[in-house]
Amino acid sequence: RGLKSYANIHSVQVGHHVFLNLHTLKFYCLPDNYEIIDSSLEDITYVLKPTFTKQHIANLDKQSKLSRAYDGTTYLPGIVGLNNIKANDYANVVLQVRKCKKASFRMRGRPTLESQSMI
């Protein structure tokens, strides 16, 4: 957010004035450099770093309710088909196997900079 930072230069040249610090998840208005506190921006930080309760994580594998797509076909949410683009069969297999593995440890959240001790 400094005067000669790429973010500041970009905000002046292009007119993109809202800056999100990816470490602190705080929004700033550039080049004026003041923090923007607005609850309407919380959905952006949620997409960047979603949080789930233990109950929500436990219920993920239990859901068997089918959803309906725009074209009328039904599908099980969470199962995504992969396209075979040339010779990527091996990568598709790895991704599908990884999807089947329970992801609860990845969904509980990552350690933040504030929670890590500085040595």
PDB file of N, CA and C in Angstrom:
ATOM      1  N   ARG A   1       0.813  -1.195   0.000  1.00  0.00           N
ATOM      2  CA  ARG A   1       0.000   0.000   0.000  1.00  0.00           C
ATOM      3  C   ARG A   1       0.855   1.257   0.000  1.00  0.00           C
ATOM      4  N   GLY A   2       2.161   1.095  -0.136  1.00  0.00           N
ATOM      5  CA  GLY A   2       3.030   2.260  -0.148  1.00  0.00           C
ATOM      6  C   GLY A   2       2.832   3.092  -1.405  1.00  0.00           C
ATOM      7  N   LEU A   3       3.390   4.292  -1.401  1.00  0.00           N
ATOM      8  CA  LEU A   3       3.205   5.214  -2.520  1.00  0.00           C
ATOM      9  C   LEU A   3       3.736   4.670  -3.840  1.00  0.00           C
ATOM     10  N   LYS A   4       4.811   3.885  -3.796  1.00  0.00           N
ATOM     11  CA  LYS A   4       5.402   3.360  -5.023  1.00  0.00           C
ATOM     12  C   LYS A   4       5.100   1.878  -5.220  1.00  0.00           C
ATOM     13  N   SER A   5       4.122   1.357  -4.506  1.00  0.00           N
ATOM     14  CA  SER A   5       3.762  -0.057  -4.663  1.00  0.00           C
ATOM     15  C   SER A   5       2.963  -0.243  -5.951  1.00  0.00           C
ATOM     16  N   TYR A   6       2.977  -1.476  -6.464  1.00  0.00           N
ATOM     17  CA  TYR A   6       2.221  -1.767  -7.680  1.00  0.00           C
ATOM     18  C   TYR A   6       0.724  -1.557  -7.462  1.00  0.00           C
ATOM     19  N   ALA A   7       0.241  -1.882  -6.271  1.00  0.00           N
ATOM     20  CA  ALA A   7      -1.184  -1.708  -5.979  1.00  0.00           C
ATOM     21  C   ALA A   7      -1.575  -0.234  -6.045  1.00  0.00           C
ATOM     22  N   ASN A   8      -0.747   0.626  -5.485  1.00  0.00           N
ATOM     23  CA  ASN A   8      -1.039   2.060  -5.487  1.00  0.00           C
ATOM     24  C   ASN A   8      -0.976   2.627  -6.903  1.00  0.00           C
ATOM     25  N   ILE A   9       0.044   2.251  -7.648  1.00  0.00           N
ATOM     26  CA  ILE A   9       0.183   2.727  -9.030  1.00  0.00           C
ATOM     27  C   ILE A   9      -1.005   2.252  -9.863  1.00  0.00           C
ATOM     28  N   HIS A  10      -1.399   0.987  -9.681  1.00  0.00           N
ATOM     29  CA  HIS A  10      -2.539   0.431 -10.414  1.00  0.00           C
ATOM     30  C   HIS A  10      -3.827   1.174 -10.065  1.00  0.00           C
ATOM     31  N   SER A  11      -3.996   1.516  -8.807  1.00  0.00           N
ATOM     32  CA  SER A  11      -5.224   2.208  -8.397  1.00  0.00           C
ATOM     33  C   SER A  11      -5.339   3.573  -9.059  1.00  0.00           C
ATOM     34  N   VAL A  12      -4.211   4.256  -9.238  1.00  0.00           N
ATOM     35  CA  VAL A  12      -4.222   5.584  -9.853  1.00  0.00           C
ATOM     36  C   VAL A  12      -4.395   5.481 -11.367  1.00  0.00           C
ATOM     37  N   GLN A  13      -3.660   4.560 -12.001  1.00  0.00           N
ATOM     38  CA  GLN A  13      -3.692   4.460 -13.458  1.00  0.00           C
ATOM     39  C   GLN A  13      -5.004   3.898 -13.996  1.00  0.00           C
ATOM     40  N   VAL A  14      -5.555   2.898 -13.317  1.00  0.00           N
ATOM     41  CA  VAL A  14      -6.713   2.183 -13.852  1.00  0.00           C
ATOM     42  C   VAL A  14      -8.011   2.559 -13.148  1.00  0.00           C
ATOM     43  N   GLY A  15      -7.908   3.117 -11.962  1.00  0.00           N
ATOM     44  CA  GLY A  15      -9.108   3.497 -11.228  1.00  0.00           C
ATOM     45  C   GLY A  15      -9.684   2.386 -10.371  1.00  0.00           C
ATOM     46  N   HIS A  16      -8.888   1.368 -10.083  1.00  0.00           N
ATOM     47  CA  HIS A  16      -9.312   0.293  -9.180  1.00  0.00           C
ATOM     48  C   HIS A  16      -8.843   0.674  -7.779  1.00  0.00           C
ATOM     49  N   HIS A  17      -9.733   1.173  -6.960  1.00  0.00           N
ATOM     50  CA  HIS A  17      -9.332   1.777  -5.697  1.00  0.00           C
ATOM     51  C   HIS A  17      -9.458   0.874  -4.479  1.00  0.00           C
ATOM     52  N   VAL A  18     -10.143  -0.260  -4.587  1.00  0.00           N
ATOM     53  CA  VAL A  18     -10.311  -1.143  -3.429  1.00  0.00           C
ATOM     54  C   VAL A  18      -9.206  -2.189  -3.447  1.00  0.00           C
ATOM     55  N   PHE A  19      -8.471  -2.287  -2.344  1.00  0.00           N
ATOM     56  CA  PHE A  19      -7.341  -3.200  -2.203  1.00  0.00           C
ATOM     57  C   PHE A  19      -7.631  -4.142  -1.050  1.00  0.00           C
ATOM     58  N   LEU A  20      -7.396  -5.443  -1.248  1.00  0.00           N
ATOM     59  CA  LEU A  20      -7.592  -6.438  -0.199  1.00  0.00           C
ATOM     60  C   LEU A  20      -6.244  -7.011   0.198  1.00  0.00           C
ATOM     61  N   ASN A  21      -5.890  -6.857   1.469  1.00  0.00           N
ATOM     62  CA  ASN A  21      -4.670  -7.461   1.993  1.00  0.00           C
ATOM     63  C   ASN A  21      -4.964  -8.936   2.231  1.00  0.00           C
ATOM     64  N   LEU A  22      -4.284  -9.820   1.515  1.00  0.00           N
ATOM     65  CA  LEU A  22      -4.581 -11.246   1.583  1.00  0.00           C
ATOM     66  C   LEU A  22      -4.111 -11.896   2.875  1.00  0.00           C
ATOM     67  N   HIS A  23      -3.268 -11.238   3.636  1.00  0.00           N
ATOM     68  CA  HIS A  23      -2.817 -11.796   4.921  1.00  0.00           C
ATOM     69  C   HIS A  23      -3.759 -11.411   6.054  1.00  0.00           C
ATOM     70  N   THR A  24      -4.176 -10.163   6.086  1.00  0.00           N
ATOM     71  CA  THR A  24      -5.029  -9.699   7.184  1.00  0.00           C
ATOM     72  C   THR A  24      -6.513  -9.719   6.821  1.00  0.00           C
ATOM     73  N   LEU A  25      -6.826  -9.890   5.523  1.00  0.00           N
ATOM     74  CA  LEU A  25      -8.199  -9.864   5.003  1.00  0.00           C
ATOM     75  C   LEU A  25      -8.894  -8.538   5.298  1.00  0.00           C
ATOM     76  N   LYS A  26      -8.126  -7.460   5.264  1.00  0.00           N
ATOM     77  CA  LYS A  26      -8.678  -6.119   5.449  1.00  0.00           C
ATOM     78  C   LYS A  26      -8.691  -5.404   4.100  1.00  0.00           C
ATOM     79  N   PHE A  27      -9.739  -4.593   3.892  1.00  0.00           N
ATOM     80  CA  PHE A  27      -9.890  -3.832   2.660  1.00  0.00           C
ATOM     81  C   PHE A  27      -9.412  -2.403   2.878  1.00  0.00           C
ATOM     82  N   TYR A  28      -8.771  -1.848   1.844  1.00  0.00           N
ATOM     83  CA  TYR A  28      -8.276  -0.475   1.906  1.00  0.00           C
ATOM     84  C   TYR A  28      -8.671   0.261   0.635  1.00  0.00           C
ATOM     85  N   CYS A  29      -8.850   1.558   0.760  1.00  0.00           N
ATOM     86  CA  CYS A  29      -9.102   2.422  -0.384  1.00  0.00           C
ATOM     87  C   CYS A  29      -7.782   3.087  -0.761  1.00  0.00           C
ATOM     88  N   LEU A  30      -7.356   2.846  -1.994  1.00  0.00           N
ATOM     89  CA  LEU A  30      -6.112   3.439  -2.479  1.00  0.00           C
ATOM     90  C   LEU A  30      -6.464   4.520  -3.490  1.00  0.00           C
ATOM     91  N   PRO A  31      -5.712   5.555  -3.620  1.00  0.00           N
ATOM     92  CA  PRO A  31      -4.438   5.874  -2.987  1.00  0.00           C
ATOM     93  C   PRO A  31      -4.577   6.583  -1.645  1.00  0.00           C
ATOM     94  N   ASP A  32      -5.808   6.763  -1.149  1.00  0.00           N
ATOM     95  CA  ASP A  32      -6.000   7.481   0.119  1.00  0.00           C
ATOM     96  C   ASP A  32      -5.527   6.679   1.325  1.00  0.00           C
ATOM     97  N   ASN A  33      -5.436   5.352   1.177  1.00  0.00           N
ATOM     98  CA  ASN A  33      -4.862   4.451   2.180  1.00  0.00           C
ATOM     99  C   ASN A  33      -5.630   4.448   3.506  1.00  0.00           C
ATOM    100  N   TYR A  34      -6.956   4.363   3.432  1.00  0.00           N
ATOM    101  CA  TYR A  34      -7.728   4.186   4.665  1.00  0.00           C
ATOM    102  C   TYR A  34      -8.462   2.845   4.593  1.00  0.00           C
ATOM    103  N   GLU A  35      -8.701   2.251   5.756  1.00  0.00           N
ATOM    104  CA  GLU A  35      -9.356   0.947   5.811  1.00  0.00           C
ATOM    105  C   GLU A  35     -10.852   1.098   5.543  1.00  0.00           C
ATOM    106  N   ILE A  36     -11.385   0.193   4.745  1.00  0.00           N
ATOM    107  CA  ILE A  36     -12.819   0.159   4.456  1.00  0.00           C
ATOM    108  C   ILE A  36     -13.447  -0.891   5.361  1.00  0.00           C
ATOM    109  N   ILE A  37     -14.376  -0.467   6.201  1.00  0.00           N
ATOM    110  CA  ILE A  37     -15.086  -1.398   7.077  1.00  0.00           C
ATOM    111  C   ILE A  37     -16.538  -1.408   6.627  1.00  0.00           C
ATOM    112  N   ASP A  38     -16.919  -2.495   5.947  1.00  0.00           N
ATOM    113  CA  ASP A  38     -18.267  -2.609   5.404  1.00  0.00           C
ATOM    114  C   ASP A  38     -18.665  -4.080   5.406  1.00  0.00           C
ATOM    115  N   SER A  39     -19.791  -4.393   6.007  1.00  0.00           N
ATOM    116  CA  SER A  39     -20.214  -5.789   6.120  1.00  0.00           C
ATOM    117  C   SER A  39     -20.523  -6.418   4.764  1.00  0.00           C
ATOM    118  N   SER A  40     -20.779  -5.617   3.748  1.00  0.00           N
ATOM    119  CA  SER A  40     -21.072  -6.181   2.428  1.00  0.00           C
ATOM    120  C   SER A  40     -19.840  -6.826   1.792  1.00  0.00           C
ATOM    121  N   LEU A  41     -18.659  -6.570   2.320  1.00  0.00           N
ATOM    122  CA  LEU A  41     -17.433  -7.165   1.786  1.00  0.00           C
ATOM    123  C   LEU A  41     -17.105  -8.510   2.433  1.00  0.00           C
ATOM    124  N   GLU A  42     -17.882  -8.913   3.444  1.00  0.00           N
ATOM    125  CA  GLU A  42     -17.599 -10.163   4.146  1.00  0.00           C
ATOM    126  C   GLU A  42     -17.742 -11.379   3.248  1.00  0.00           C
ATOM    127  N   ASP A  43     -18.624 -11.326   2.248  1.00  0.00           N
ATOM    128  CA  ASP A  43     -18.771 -12.475   1.367  1.00  0.00           C
ATOM    129  C   ASP A  43     -17.513 -12.711   0.542  1.00  0.00           C
ATOM    130  N   ILE A  44     -16.761 -11.666   0.246  1.00  0.00           N
ATOM    131  CA  ILE A  44     -15.509 -11.816  -0.492  1.00  0.00           C
ATOM    132  C   ILE A  44     -14.476 -12.519   0.377  1.00  0.00           C
ATOM    133  N   THR A  45     -14.357 -12.115   1.630  1.00  0.00           N
ATOM    134  CA  THR A  45     -13.387 -12.771   2.509  1.00  0.00           C
ATOM    135  C   THR A  45     -13.809 -14.199   2.815  1.00  0.00           C
ATOM    136  N   TYR A  46     -15.122 -14.480   2.828  1.00  0.00           N
ATOM    137  CA  TYR A  46     -15.576 -15.852   3.066  1.00  0.00           C
ATOM    138  C   TYR A  46     -15.187 -16.757   1.906  1.00  0.00           C
ATOM    139  N   VAL A  47     -15.305 -16.265   0.671  1.00  0.00           N
ATOM    140  CA  VAL A  47     -14.912 -17.063  -0.487  1.00  0.00           C
ATOM    141  C   VAL A  47     -13.406 -17.293  -0.470  1.00  0.00           C
ATOM    142  N   LEU A  48     -12.653 -16.296  -0.040  1.00  0.00           N
ATOM    143  CA  LEU A  48     -11.204 -16.421   0.021  1.00  0.00           C
ATOM    144  C   LEU A  48     -10.772 -17.409   1.095  1.00  0.00           C
ATOM    145  N   LYS A  49     -11.451 -17.370   2.243  1.00  0.00           N
ATOM    146  CA  LYS A  49     -11.090 -18.247   3.352  1.00  0.00           C
ATOM    147  C   LYS A  49     -12.376 -18.730   4.034  1.00  0.00           C
ATOM    148  N   PRO A  50     -13.030 -19.744   3.444  1.00  0.00           N
ATOM    149  CA  PRO A  50     -14.292 -20.214   4.019  1.00  0.00           C
ATOM    150  C   PRO A  50     -14.079 -20.894   5.367  1.00  0.00           C
ATOM    151  N   THR A  51     -15.078 -20.806   6.224  1.00  0.00           N
ATOM    152  CA  THR A  51     -15.022 -21.467   7.525  1.00  0.00           C
ATOM    153  C   THR A  51     -16.241 -22.369   7.664  1.00  0.00           C
ATOM    154  N   PHE A  52     -16.036 -23.526   8.280  1.00  0.00           N
ATOM    155  CA  PHE A  52     -17.093 -24.509   8.449  1.00  0.00           C
ATOM    156  C   PHE A  52     -17.119 -24.975   9.892  1.00  0.00           C
ATOM    157  N   THR A  53     -18.314 -25.284  10.388  1.00  0.00           N
ATOM    158  CA  THR A  53     -18.437 -25.846  11.730  1.00  0.00           C
ATOM    159  C   THR A  53     -18.139 -27.342  11.664  1.00  0.00           C
ATOM    160  N   LYS A  54     -17.844 -27.944  12.813  1.00  0.00           N
ATOM    161  CA  LYS A  54     -17.593 -29.387  12.853  1.00  0.00           C
ATOM    162  C   LYS A  54     -18.826 -30.161  12.400  1.00  0.00           C
ATOM    163  N   GLN A  55     -20.007 -29.662  12.752  1.00  0.00           N
ATOM    164  CA  GLN A  55     -21.254 -30.327  12.352  1.00  0.00           C
ATOM    165  C   GLN A  55     -21.422 -30.297  10.835  1.00  0.00           C
ATOM    166  N   HIS A  56     -21.115 -29.169  10.210  1.00  0.00           N
ATOM    167  CA  HIS A  56     -21.231 -29.060   8.754  1.00  0.00           C
ATOM    168  C   HIS A  56     -20.271 -30.024   8.072  1.00  0.00           C
ATOM    169  N   ILE A  57     -19.060 -30.128   8.562  1.00  0.00           N
ATOM    170  CA  ILE A  57     -18.072 -31.038   7.986  1.00  0.00           C
ATOM    171  C   ILE A  57     -18.529 -32.481   8.141  1.00  0.00           C
ATOM    172  N   ALA A  58     -19.074 -32.825   9.302  1.00  0.00           N
ATOM    173  CA  ALA A  58     -19.533 -34.195   9.549  1.00  0.00           C
ATOM    174  C   ALA A  58     -20.682 -34.573   8.620  1.00  0.00           C
ATOM    175  N   ASN A  59     -21.518 -33.617   8.241  1.00  0.00           N
ATOM    176  CA  ASN A  59     -22.675 -33.902   7.393  1.00  0.00           C
ATOM    177  C   ASN A  59     -22.359 -33.921   5.900  1.00  0.00           C
ATOM    178  N   LEU A  60     -21.162 -33.525   5.497  1.00  0.00           N
ATOM    179  CA  LEU A  60     -20.843 -33.458   4.072  1.00  0.00           C
ATOM    180  C   LEU A  60     -20.967 -34.807   3.382  1.00  0.00           C
ATOM    181  N   ASP A  61     -20.423 -35.852   3.979  1.00  0.00           N
ATOM    182  CA  ASP A  61     -20.450 -37.171   3.352  1.00  0.00           C
ATOM    183  C   ASP A  61     -21.794 -37.864   3.503  1.00  0.00           C
ATOM    184  N   LYS A  62     -22.668 -37.341   4.331  1.00  0.00           N
ATOM    185  CA  LYS A  62     -23.971 -37.965   4.560  1.00  0.00           C
ATOM    186  C   LYS A  62     -25.037 -37.466   3.593  1.00  0.00           C
ATOM    187  N   GLN A  63     -24.760 -36.397   2.888  1.00  0.00           N
ATOM    188  CA  GLN A  63     -25.752 -35.811   1.989  1.00  0.00           C
ATOM    189  C   GLN A  63     -25.934 -36.695   0.759  1.00  0.00           C
ATOM    190  N   SER A  64     -27.163 -37.072   0.482  1.00  0.00           N
ATOM    191  CA  SER A  64     -27.446 -37.873  -0.707  1.00  0.00           C
ATOM    192  C   SER A  64     -28.572 -37.253  -1.535  1.00  0.00           C
ATOM    193  N   LYS A  65     -28.916 -36.014  -1.241  1.00  0.00           N
ATOM    194  CA  LYS A  65     -29.984 -35.330  -1.964  1.00  0.00           C
ATOM    195  C   LYS A  65     -29.471 -34.880  -3.329  1.00  0.00           C
ATOM    196  N   LEU A  66     -30.177 -35.273  -4.368  1.00  0.00           N
ATOM    197  CA  LEU A  66     -29.794 -34.895  -5.717  1.00  0.00           C
ATOM    198  C   LEU A  66     -30.264 -33.478  -6.019  1.00  0.00           C
ATOM    199  N   SER A  67     -29.489 -32.771  -6.816  1.00  0.00           N
ATOM    200  CA  SER A  67     -29.861 -31.436  -7.278  1.00  0.00           C
ATOM    201  C   SER A  67     -30.200 -31.512  -8.756  1.00  0.00           C
ATOM    202  N   ARG A  68     -30.895 -30.507  -9.240  1.00  0.00           N
ATOM    203  CA  ARG A  68     -31.290 -30.490 -10.649  1.00  0.00           C
ATOM    204  C   ARG A  68     -30.583 -29.332 -11.352  1.00  0.00           C
ATOM    205  N   ALA A  69     -29.960 -29.637 -12.489  1.00  0.00           N
ATOM    206  CA  ALA A  69     -29.264 -28.630 -13.286  1.00  0.00           C
ATOM    207  C   ALA A  69     -30.272 -27.863 -14.136  1.00  0.00           C
ATOM    208  N   TYR A  70     -29.821 -26.783 -14.775  1.00  0.00           N
ATOM    209  CA  TYR A  70     -30.693 -25.967 -15.619  1.00  0.00           C
ATOM    210  C   TYR A  70     -31.297 -26.769 -16.773  1.00  0.00           C
ATOM    211  N   ASP A  71     -30.533 -27.743 -17.278  1.00  0.00           N
ATOM    212  CA  ASP A  71     -31.042 -28.536 -18.404  1.00  0.00           C
ATOM    213  C   ASP A  71     -31.954 -29.679 -17.967  1.00  0.00           C
ATOM    214  N   GLY A  72     -32.219 -29.797 -16.669  1.00  0.00           N
ATOM    215  CA  GLY A  72     -33.138 -30.807 -16.168  1.00  0.00           C
ATOM    216  C   GLY A  72     -32.481 -32.079 -15.668  1.00  0.00           C
ATOM    217  N   THR A  73     -31.196 -32.257 -15.918  1.00  0.00           N
ATOM    218  CA  THR A  73     -30.516 -33.458 -15.436  1.00  0.00           C
ATOM    219  C   THR A  73     -30.262 -33.346 -13.939  1.00  0.00           C
ATOM    220  N   THR A  74     -30.198 -34.495 -13.282  1.00  0.00           N
ATOM    221  CA  THR A  74     -29.927 -34.504 -11.843  1.00  0.00           C
ATOM    222  C   THR A  74     -28.475 -34.886 -11.607  1.00  0.00           C
ATOM    223  N   TYR A  75     -27.942 -34.409 -10.513  1.00  0.00           N
ATOM    224  CA  TYR A  75     -26.559 -34.705 -10.163  1.00  0.00           C
ATOM    225  C   TYR A  75     -26.410 -34.668  -8.654  1.00  0.00           C
ATOM    226  N   LEU A  76     -25.360 -35.315  -8.170  1.00  0.00           N
ATOM    227  CA  LEU A  76     -25.037 -35.305  -6.751  1.00  0.00           C
ATOM    228  C   LEU A  76     -24.055 -34.169  -6.507  1.00  0.00           C
ATOM    229  N   PRO A  77     -24.403 -33.159  -5.718  1.00  0.00           N
ATOM    230  CA  PRO A  77     -23.493 -32.034  -5.495  1.00  0.00           C
ATOM    231  C   PRO A  77     -22.148 -32.509  -4.947  1.00  0.00           C
ATOM    232  N   GLY A  78     -21.099 -31.920  -5.475  1.00  0.00           N
ATOM    233  CA  GLY A  78     -19.749 -32.254  -5.023  1.00  0.00           C
ATOM    234  C   GLY A  78     -19.021 -33.183  -5.958  1.00  0.00           C
ATOM    235  N   ILE A  79     -19.732 -33.882  -6.812  1.00  0.00           N
ATOM    236  CA  ILE A  79     -19.100 -34.770  -7.778  1.00  0.00           C
ATOM    237  C   ILE A  79     -18.999 -34.009  -9.092  1.00  0.00           C
ATOM    238  N   VAL A  80     -17.786 -33.758  -9.523  1.00  0.00           N
ATOM    239  CA  VAL A  80     -17.559 -32.964 -10.723  1.00  0.00           C
ATOM    240  C   VAL A  80     -16.856 -33.827 -11.754  1.00  0.00           C
ATOM    241  N   GLY A  81     -17.402 -33.867 -12.945  1.00  0.00           N
ATOM    242  CA  GLY A  81     -16.757 -34.605 -14.023  1.00  0.00           C
ATOM    243  C   GLY A  81     -15.538 -33.856 -14.530  1.00  0.00           C
ATOM    244  N   LEU A  82     -14.550 -34.605 -14.993  1.00  0.00           N
ATOM    245  CA  LEU A  82     -13.328 -33.995 -15.513  1.00  0.00           C
ATOM    246  C   LEU A  82     -13.212 -34.291 -16.999  1.00  0.00           C
ATOM    247  N   ASN A  83     -12.780 -33.325 -17.765  1.00  0.00           N
ATOM    248  CA  ASN A  83     -12.578 -33.509 -19.196  1.00  0.00           C
ATOM    249  C   ASN A  83     -11.240 -34.168 -19.452  1.00  0.00           C
ATOM    250  N   ASN A  84     -11.206 -35.035 -20.458  1.00  0.00           N
ATOM    251  CA  ASN A  84      -9.954 -35.653 -20.868  1.00  0.00           C
ATOM    252  C   ASN A  84      -9.356 -34.791 -21.972  1.00  0.00           C
ATOM    253  N   ILE A  85      -8.342 -34.027 -21.612  1.00  0.00           N
ATOM    254  CA  ILE A  85      -7.696 -33.129 -22.562  1.00  0.00           C
ATOM    255  C   ILE A  85      -6.346 -33.733 -22.917  1.00  0.00           C
ATOM    256  N   LYS A  86      -6.282 -34.338 -24.081  1.00  0.00           N
ATOM    257  CA  LYS A  86      -5.083 -35.029 -24.567  1.00  0.00           C
ATOM    258  C   LYS A  86      -4.703 -36.140 -23.604  1.00  0.00           C
ATOM    259  N   ALA A  87      -3.529 -36.107 -23.001  1.00  0.00           N
ATOM    260  CA  ALA A  87      -3.039 -37.228 -22.189  1.00  0.00           C
ATOM    261  C   ALA A  87      -3.027 -36.874 -20.711  1.00  0.00           C
ATOM    262  N   ASN A  88      -4.176 -36.521 -20.157  1.00  0.00           N
ATOM    263  CA  ASN A  88      -4.213 -36.161 -18.740  1.00  0.00           C
ATOM    264  C   ASN A  88      -5.004 -37.170 -17.913  1.00  0.00           C
ATOM    265  N   ASP A  89      -5.164 -38.399 -18.419  1.00  0.00           N
ATOM    266  CA  ASP A  89      -5.929 -39.421 -17.703  1.00  0.00           C
ATOM    267  C   ASP A  89      -5.386 -39.635 -16.297  1.00  0.00           C
ATOM    268  N   TYR A  90      -4.062 -39.703 -16.176  1.00  0.00           N
ATOM    269  CA  TYR A  90      -3.430 -39.963 -14.879  1.00  0.00           C
ATOM    270  C   TYR A  90      -3.769 -38.861 -13.876  1.00  0.00           C
ATOM    271  N   ALA A  91      -3.784 -37.615 -14.326  1.00  0.00           N
ATOM    272  CA  ALA A  91      -4.092 -36.502 -13.423  1.00  0.00           C
ATOM    273  C   ALA A  91      -5.558 -36.558 -12.990  1.00  0.00           C
ATOM    274  N   ASN A  92      -6.450 -36.925 -13.903  1.00  0.00           N
ATOM    275  CA  ASN A  92      -7.865 -37.045 -13.548  1.00  0.00           C
ATOM    276  C   ASN A  92      -8.081 -38.105 -12.478  1.00  0.00           C
ATOM    277  N   VAL A  93      -7.380 -39.227 -12.600  1.00  0.00           N
ATOM    278  CA  VAL A  93      -7.511 -40.299 -11.607  1.00  0.00           C
ATOM    279  C   VAL A  93      -7.062 -39.808 -10.243  1.00  0.00           C
ATOM    280  N   VAL A  94      -5.933 -39.119 -10.198  1.00  0.00           N
ATOM    281  CA  VAL A  94      -5.415 -38.608  -8.924  1.00  0.00           C
ATOM    282  C   VAL A  94      -6.401 -37.618  -8.311  1.00  0.00           C
ATOM    283  N   LEU A  95      -6.949 -36.737  -9.115  1.00  0.00           N
ATOM    284  CA  LEU A  95      -7.905 -35.751  -8.603  1.00  0.00           C
ATOM    285  C   LEU A  95      -9.187 -36.410  -8.097  1.00  0.00           C
ATOM    286  N   GLN A  96      -9.691 -37.410  -8.810  1.00  0.00           N
ATOM    287  CA  GLN A  96     -10.913 -38.083  -8.373  1.00  0.00           C
ATOM    288  C   GLN A  96     -10.681 -38.864  -7.081  1.00  0.00           C
ATOM    289  N   VAL A  97      -9.541 -39.532  -6.954  1.00  0.00           N
ATOM    290  CA  VAL A  97      -9.232 -40.271  -5.724  1.00  0.00           C
ATOM    291  C   VAL A  97      -9.084 -39.299  -4.568  1.00  0.00           C
ATOM    292  N   ARG A  98      -8.433 -38.190  -4.815  1.00  0.00           N
ATOM    293  CA  ARG A  98      -8.242 -37.189  -3.763  1.00  0.00           C
ATOM    294  C   ARG A  98      -9.583 -36.612  -3.313  1.00  0.00           C
ATOM    295  N   LYS A  99     -10.520 -36.462  -4.221  1.00  0.00           N
ATOM    296  CA  LYS A  99     -11.833 -35.936  -3.882  1.00  0.00           C
ATOM    297  C   LYS A  99     -12.572 -36.897  -2.954  1.00  0.00           C
ATOM    298  N   CYS A 100     -12.400 -38.208  -3.188  1.00  0.00           N
ATOM    299  CA  CYS A 100     -13.106 -39.207  -2.378  1.00  0.00           C
ATOM    300  C   CYS A 100     -12.582 -39.263  -0.947  1.00  0.00           C
ATOM    301  N   LYS A 101     -11.365 -38.818  -0.727  1.00  0.00           N
ATOM    302  CA  LYS A 101     -10.789 -38.815   0.612  1.00  0.00           C
ATOM    303  C   LYS A 101     -11.477 -37.739   1.438  1.00  0.00           C
ATOM    304  N   LYS A 102     -11.751 -38.033   2.692  1.00  0.00           N
ATOM    305  CA  LYS A 102     -12.408 -37.048   3.556  1.00  0.00           C
ATOM    306  C   LYS A 102     -11.530 -35.807   3.684  1.00  0.00           C
ATOM    307  N   ALA A 103     -12.149 -34.662   3.586  1.00  0.00           N
ATOM    308  CA  ALA A 103     -11.405 -33.399   3.560  1.00  0.00           C
ATOM    309  C   ALA A 103     -11.571 -32.597   4.837  1.00  0.00           C
ATOM    310  N   SER A 104     -11.978 -33.224   5.919  1.00  0.00           N
ATOM    311  CA  SER A 104     -12.292 -32.451   7.120  1.00  0.00           C
ATOM    312  C   SER A 104     -11.087 -31.690   7.654  1.00  0.00           C
ATOM    313  N   PHE A 105      -9.899 -32.282   7.578  1.00  0.00           N
ATOM    314  CA  PHE A 105      -8.734 -31.575   8.112  1.00  0.00           C
ATOM    315  C   PHE A 105      -8.398 -30.342   7.293  1.00  0.00           C
ATOM    316  N   ARG A 106      -8.761 -30.324   6.013  1.00  0.00           N
ATOM    317  CA  ARG A 106      -8.482 -29.155   5.177  1.00  0.00           C
ATOM    318  C   ARG A 106      -9.521 -28.068   5.365  1.00  0.00           C
ATOM    319  N   MET A 107     -10.676 -28.409   5.904  1.00  0.00           N
ATOM    320  CA  MET A 107     -11.771 -27.451   6.002  1.00  0.00           C
ATOM    321  C   MET A 107     -11.836 -26.760   7.352  1.00  0.00           C
ATOM    322  N   ARG A 108     -11.053 -27.199   8.312  1.00  0.00           N
ATOM    323  CA  ARG A 108     -11.117 -26.600   9.645  1.00  0.00           C
ATOM    324  C   ARG A 108     -10.420 -25.256   9.706  1.00  0.00           C
ATOM    325  N   GLY A 109      -9.740 -24.874   8.664  1.00  0.00           N
ATOM    326  CA  GLY A 109      -9.068 -23.575   8.641  1.00  0.00           C
ATOM    327  C   GLY A 109      -7.569 -23.736   8.738  1.00  0.00           C
ATOM    328  N   ARG A 110      -6.903 -22.762   8.194  1.00  0.00           N
ATOM    329  CA  ARG A 110      -5.444 -22.749   8.226  1.00  0.00           C
ATOM    330  C   ARG A 110      -4.978 -21.854   9.353  1.00  0.00           C
ATOM    331  N   PRO A 111      -3.765 -22.116   9.862  1.00  0.00           N
ATOM    332  CA  PRO A 111      -3.250 -21.201  10.883  1.00  0.00           C
ATOM    333  C   PRO A 111      -3.048 -19.814  10.289  1.00  0.00           C
ATOM    334  N   THR A 112      -3.374 -18.809  11.049  1.00  0.00           N
ATOM    335  CA  THR A 112      -3.188 -17.435  10.585  1.00  0.00           C
ATOM    336  C   THR A 112      -1.822 -16.930  11.026  1.00  0.00           C
ATOM    337  N   LEU A 113      -1.415 -15.820  10.457  1.00  0.00           N
ATOM    338  CA  LEU A 113      -0.136 -15.230  10.848  1.00  0.00           C
ATOM    339  C   LEU A 113      -0.153 -14.829  12.311  1.00  0.00           C
ATOM    340  N   GLU A 114      -1.334 -14.400  12.789  1.00  0.00           N
ATOM    341  CA  GLU A 114      -1.431 -13.964  14.177  1.00  0.00           C
ATOM    342  C   GLU A 114      -1.281 -15.132  15.151  1.00  0.00           C
ATOM    343  N   SER A 115      -1.693 -16.350  14.727  1.00  0.00           N
ATOM    344  CA  SER A 115      -1.647 -17.489  15.639  1.00  0.00           C
ATOM    345  C   SER A 115      -0.283 -18.162  15.673  1.00  0.00           C
ATOM    346  N   GLN A 116       0.597 -17.821  14.749  1.00  0.00           N
ATOM    347  CA  GLN A 116       1.914 -18.437  14.716  1.00  0.00           C
ATOM    348  C   GLN A 116       2.890 -17.588  15.515  1.00  0.00           C
ATOM    349  N   SER A 117       3.703 -18.258  16.305  1.00  0.00           N
ATOM    350  CA  SER A 117       4.679 -17.519  17.108  1.00  0.00           C
ATOM    351  C   SER A 117       5.877 -17.145  16.246  1.00  0.00           C
ATOM    352  N   MET A 118       6.420 -16.007  16.507  1.00  0.00           N
ATOM    353  CA  MET A 118       7.600 -15.536  15.780  1.00  0.00           C
ATOM    354  C   MET A 118       8.845 -15.974  16.529  1.00  0.00           C
ATOM    355  N   ILE A 119       9.762 -16.586  15.816  1.00  0.00           N
ATOM    356  CA  ILE A 119      11.008 -17.055  16.448  1.00  0.00           C
ATOM    357  C   ILE A 119      12.132 -16.121  16.098  1.00  0.00           C
TER     358      ILE A 119
END
